[in-house]
Amino acid sequence: MSCKPITFRNVSPDTFKCMKKKLQDYGIHVPPGNKGELSGAGIMANFEWDEESALTITIKERPFFVSCEIAASKLKQFVVECNGS
């Protein structure tokens, strides 16, 4: 049920911090640091940020009724909201 990795570019430190907060507010557990495992709402994913601009998220588990595309779209929404664009 794993999805292909999603890489976001131009993720500044402020954007990364904002995304982590928004995910936590959404009920997703986000560990401290620049890489780890996100979990919550039936989703489990690994994330890694290079501390400059590239953030890669790989969804490992998801509810059967949530496609990889829908999960990726929701993640992209967090990036857009945090980038202010």
N, C-alpha and C. Protein backbone atom coordinates (compact mmCIF):
# COMPACT_ATOMS: atom_id res chain seq x y z
N MET A 1 0.82 -1.20 0.00
CA MET A 1 0.00 0.00 0.00
C MET A 1 0.86 1.26 0.00
N SER A 2 2.16 1.09 -0.14
CA SER A 2 3.06 2.23 -0.15
C SER A 2 2.90 3.04 -1.43
N CYS A 3 3.06 4.34 -1.31
CA CYS A 3 2.97 5.23 -2.46
C CYS A 3 4.38 5.65 -2.89
N LYS A 4 4.50 6.15 -4.11
CA LYS A 4 5.81 6.62 -4.54
C LYS A 4 6.17 7.89 -3.76
N PRO A 5 7.47 8.11 -3.51
CA PRO A 5 7.89 9.30 -2.75
C PRO A 5 7.47 10.59 -3.44
N ILE A 6 7.14 11.58 -2.62
CA ILE A 6 6.79 12.91 -3.11
C ILE A 6 7.89 13.85 -2.65
N THR A 7 8.51 14.58 -3.57
CA THR A 7 9.55 15.53 -3.19
C THR A 7 9.05 16.94 -3.47
N PHE A 8 9.11 17.77 -2.43
CA PHE A 8 8.74 19.17 -2.54
C PHE A 8 10.03 19.98 -2.59
N ARG A 9 10.09 20.94 -3.47
CA ARG A 9 11.27 21.81 -3.62
C ARG A 9 10.97 23.18 -3.01
N ASN A 10 12.03 23.93 -2.75
CA ASN A 10 11.89 25.29 -2.20
C ASN A 10 11.16 25.31 -0.86
N VAL A 11 11.44 24.32 -0.03
CA VAL A 11 10.87 24.27 1.31
C VAL A 11 11.87 24.92 2.26
N SER A 12 11.59 26.16 2.63
CA SER A 12 12.47 26.91 3.53
C SER A 12 12.31 26.39 4.96
N PRO A 13 13.21 26.77 5.86
CA PRO A 13 13.05 26.38 7.26
C PRO A 13 11.70 26.82 7.84
N ASP A 14 11.25 28.03 7.50
CA ASP A 14 9.95 28.51 8.00
C ASP A 14 8.80 27.67 7.44
N THR A 15 8.88 27.32 6.17
CA THR A 15 7.84 26.50 5.55
C THR A 15 7.81 25.12 6.20
N PHE A 16 8.98 24.54 6.44
CA PHE A 16 9.06 23.22 7.06
C PHE A 16 8.45 23.25 8.46
N LYS A 17 8.79 24.26 9.23
CA LYS A 17 8.26 24.41 10.59
C LYS A 17 6.74 24.57 10.54
N CYS A 18 6.25 25.38 9.62
CA CYS A 18 4.81 25.60 9.45
C CYS A 18 4.11 24.29 9.08
N MET A 19 4.68 23.54 8.14
CA MET A 19 4.07 22.28 7.73
C MET A 19 3.96 21.31 8.90
N LYS A 20 5.03 21.22 9.70
CA LYS A 20 5.01 20.30 10.84
C LYS A 20 3.89 20.70 11.80
N LYS A 21 3.74 22.00 12.04
CA LYS A 21 2.69 22.46 12.95
C LYS A 21 1.31 22.16 12.38
N LYS A 22 1.10 22.42 11.10
CA LYS A 22 -0.20 22.16 10.47
C LYS A 22 -0.54 20.67 10.51
N LEU A 23 0.45 19.82 10.26
CA LEU A 23 0.21 18.37 10.34
C LEU A 23 -0.18 17.97 11.76
N GLN A 24 0.52 18.53 12.75
CA GLN A 24 0.19 18.22 14.15
C GLN A 24 -1.21 18.70 14.49
N ASP A 25 -1.56 19.90 14.03
CA ASP A 25 -2.91 20.44 14.27
C ASP A 25 -3.98 19.57 13.62
N TYR A 26 -3.61 18.89 12.56
CA TYR A 26 -4.51 18.01 11.82
C TYR A 26 -4.64 16.64 12.49
N GLY A 27 -3.83 16.41 13.54
CA GLY A 27 -3.88 15.14 14.26
C GLY A 27 -2.83 14.14 13.86
N ILE A 28 -1.82 14.60 13.12
CA ILE A 28 -0.73 13.73 12.69
C ILE A 28 0.44 13.92 13.66
N HIS A 29 0.96 12.82 14.21
CA HIS A 29 2.14 12.90 15.08
C HIS A 29 3.36 13.15 14.20
N VAL A 30 4.11 14.21 14.53
CA VAL A 30 5.32 14.56 13.79
C VAL A 30 6.47 14.63 14.81
N PRO A 31 7.46 13.75 14.67
CA PRO A 31 8.56 13.78 15.63
C PRO A 31 9.45 15.00 15.41
N PRO A 32 10.21 15.39 16.43
CA PRO A 32 11.15 16.49 16.24
C PRO A 32 12.25 16.09 15.26
N GLY A 33 12.89 17.09 14.70
CA GLY A 33 14.00 16.81 13.79
C GLY A 33 13.61 16.92 12.33
N ASN A 34 14.57 16.62 11.47
CA ASN A 34 14.40 16.79 10.03
C ASN A 34 14.02 15.51 9.30
N LYS A 35 13.94 14.39 10.02
CA LYS A 35 13.46 13.16 9.39
C LYS A 35 12.85 12.27 10.44
N GLY A 36 11.97 11.42 9.98
CA GLY A 36 11.28 10.53 10.90
C GLY A 36 10.03 9.97 10.29
N GLU A 37 9.11 9.56 11.18
CA GLU A 37 7.89 8.93 10.73
C GLU A 37 6.68 9.73 11.20
N LEU A 38 5.84 10.09 10.24
CA LEU A 38 4.56 10.75 10.53
C LEU A 38 3.53 9.65 10.76
N SER A 39 2.62 9.87 11.71
CA SER A 39 1.56 8.88 11.90
C SER A 39 0.32 9.52 12.47
N GLY A 40 -0.82 9.02 12.05
CA GLY A 40 -2.10 9.49 12.54
C GLY A 40 -3.14 9.48 11.45
N ALA A 41 -4.40 9.42 11.84
CA ALA A 41 -5.53 9.41 10.90
C ALA A 41 -5.41 8.28 9.89
N GLY A 42 -4.84 7.15 10.31
CA GLY A 42 -4.71 6.00 9.42
C GLY A 42 -3.56 6.09 8.44
N ILE A 43 -2.76 7.15 8.55
CA ILE A 43 -1.64 7.36 7.63
C ILE A 43 -0.33 7.14 8.38
N MET A 44 0.61 6.50 7.71
CA MET A 44 1.97 6.40 8.22
C MET A 44 2.90 6.74 7.06
N ALA A 45 3.84 7.65 7.30
CA ALA A 45 4.73 8.08 6.23
C ALA A 45 6.10 8.43 6.81
N ASN A 46 7.10 8.30 5.99
CA ASN A 46 8.45 8.75 6.36
C ASN A 46 8.68 10.10 5.70
N PHE A 47 9.41 10.97 6.41
CA PHE A 47 9.76 12.25 5.82
C PHE A 47 11.24 12.52 6.05
N GLU A 48 11.81 13.30 5.13
CA GLU A 48 13.20 13.73 5.27
C GLU A 48 13.36 15.08 4.59
N TRP A 49 13.86 16.05 5.34
CA TRP A 49 14.12 17.39 4.83
C TRP A 49 15.61 17.62 4.87
N ASP A 50 16.17 18.17 3.79
CA ASP A 50 17.63 18.34 3.69
C ASP A 50 18.15 19.60 4.37
N GLU A 51 17.29 20.29 5.11
CA GLU A 51 17.62 21.52 5.84
C GLU A 51 17.86 22.72 4.94
N GLU A 52 17.60 22.56 3.65
CA GLU A 52 17.77 23.68 2.72
C GLU A 52 16.51 23.91 1.91
N SER A 53 16.10 22.91 1.11
CA SER A 53 14.94 23.16 0.26
C SER A 53 14.16 21.92 -0.14
N ALA A 54 14.73 20.72 -0.02
CA ALA A 54 14.04 19.52 -0.50
C ALA A 54 13.43 18.72 0.65
N LEU A 55 12.14 18.48 0.55
CA LEU A 55 11.42 17.66 1.53
C LEU A 55 10.82 16.48 0.78
N THR A 56 11.17 15.27 1.22
CA THR A 56 10.64 14.06 0.60
C THR A 56 9.77 13.33 1.61
N ILE A 57 8.56 13.00 1.18
CA ILE A 57 7.63 12.26 2.01
C ILE A 57 7.21 11.00 1.26
N THR A 58 7.30 9.86 1.95
CA THR A 58 6.89 8.58 1.37
C THR A 58 5.79 8.00 2.25
N ILE A 59 4.60 7.90 1.70
CA ILE A 59 3.47 7.34 2.44
C ILE A 59 3.60 5.82 2.42
N LYS A 60 3.69 5.24 3.62
CA LYS A 60 3.88 3.80 3.77
C LYS A 60 2.57 3.05 3.97
N GLU A 61 1.65 3.67 4.71
CA GLU A 61 0.35 3.06 4.97
C GLU A 61 -0.71 4.14 4.89
N ARG A 62 -1.90 3.74 4.42
CA ARG A 62 -3.02 4.67 4.30
C ARG A 62 -4.29 3.86 4.32
N PRO A 63 -5.41 4.48 4.70
CA PRO A 63 -6.68 3.75 4.64
C PRO A 63 -6.96 3.33 3.19
N PHE A 64 -7.61 2.20 3.02
CA PHE A 64 -7.86 1.67 1.67
C PHE A 64 -8.67 2.63 0.82
N PHE A 65 -9.48 3.48 1.45
CA PHE A 65 -10.34 4.40 0.70
C PHE A 65 -9.64 5.71 0.34
N VAL A 66 -8.38 5.86 0.74
CA VAL A 66 -7.60 7.06 0.41
C VAL A 66 -6.52 6.66 -0.60
N SER A 67 -6.64 7.19 -1.80
CA SER A 67 -5.65 6.87 -2.84
C SER A 67 -4.35 7.63 -2.58
N CYS A 68 -3.29 7.18 -3.21
CA CYS A 68 -2.01 7.89 -3.11
C CYS A 68 -2.16 9.32 -3.62
N GLU A 69 -2.94 9.49 -4.66
CA GLU A 69 -3.14 10.82 -5.25
C GLU A 69 -3.83 11.77 -4.28
N ILE A 70 -4.84 11.26 -3.57
CA ILE A 70 -5.56 12.11 -2.60
C ILE A 70 -4.63 12.47 -1.45
N ALA A 71 -3.87 11.50 -0.96
CA ALA A 71 -2.93 11.77 0.14
C ALA A 71 -1.88 12.79 -0.30
N ALA A 72 -1.35 12.64 -1.51
CA ALA A 72 -0.35 13.58 -2.04
C ALA A 72 -0.94 14.96 -2.20
N SER A 73 -2.19 15.04 -2.66
CA SER A 73 -2.86 16.32 -2.83
C SER A 73 -3.00 17.05 -1.49
N LYS A 74 -3.34 16.31 -0.45
CA LYS A 74 -3.49 16.92 0.87
C LYS A 74 -2.14 17.45 1.37
N LEU A 75 -1.08 16.69 1.15
CA LEU A 75 0.26 17.15 1.56
C LEU A 75 0.65 18.41 0.80
N LYS A 76 0.36 18.43 -0.50
CA LYS A 76 0.67 19.62 -1.31
C LYS A 76 -0.08 20.84 -0.79
N GLN A 77 -1.31 20.62 -0.30
CA GLN A 77 -2.10 21.72 0.25
C GLN A 77 -1.39 22.34 1.45
N PHE A 78 -0.78 21.52 2.31
CA PHE A 78 -0.04 22.04 3.46
C PHE A 78 1.15 22.89 2.99
N VAL A 79 1.83 22.45 1.94
CA VAL A 79 2.98 23.21 1.43
C VAL A 79 2.52 24.56 0.90
N VAL A 80 1.45 24.56 0.11
CA VAL A 80 0.95 25.80 -0.47
C VAL A 80 0.53 26.77 0.64
N GLU A 81 -0.19 26.27 1.64
CA GLU A 81 -0.63 27.13 2.75
C GLU A 81 0.57 27.72 3.49
N CYS A 82 1.60 26.94 3.66
CA CYS A 82 2.77 27.41 4.41
C CYS A 82 3.69 28.30 3.59
N ASN A 83 3.67 28.14 2.28
CA ASN A 83 4.45 29.00 1.40
C ASN A 83 3.75 30.34 1.17
N GLY A 84 2.47 30.37 1.46
CA GLY A 84 1.70 31.59 1.24
C GLY A 84 1.48 31.89 -0.22
N SER A 85 1.57 30.84 -1.05
CA SER A 85 1.37 31.05 -2.49
C SER A 85 0.22 30.21 -3.00
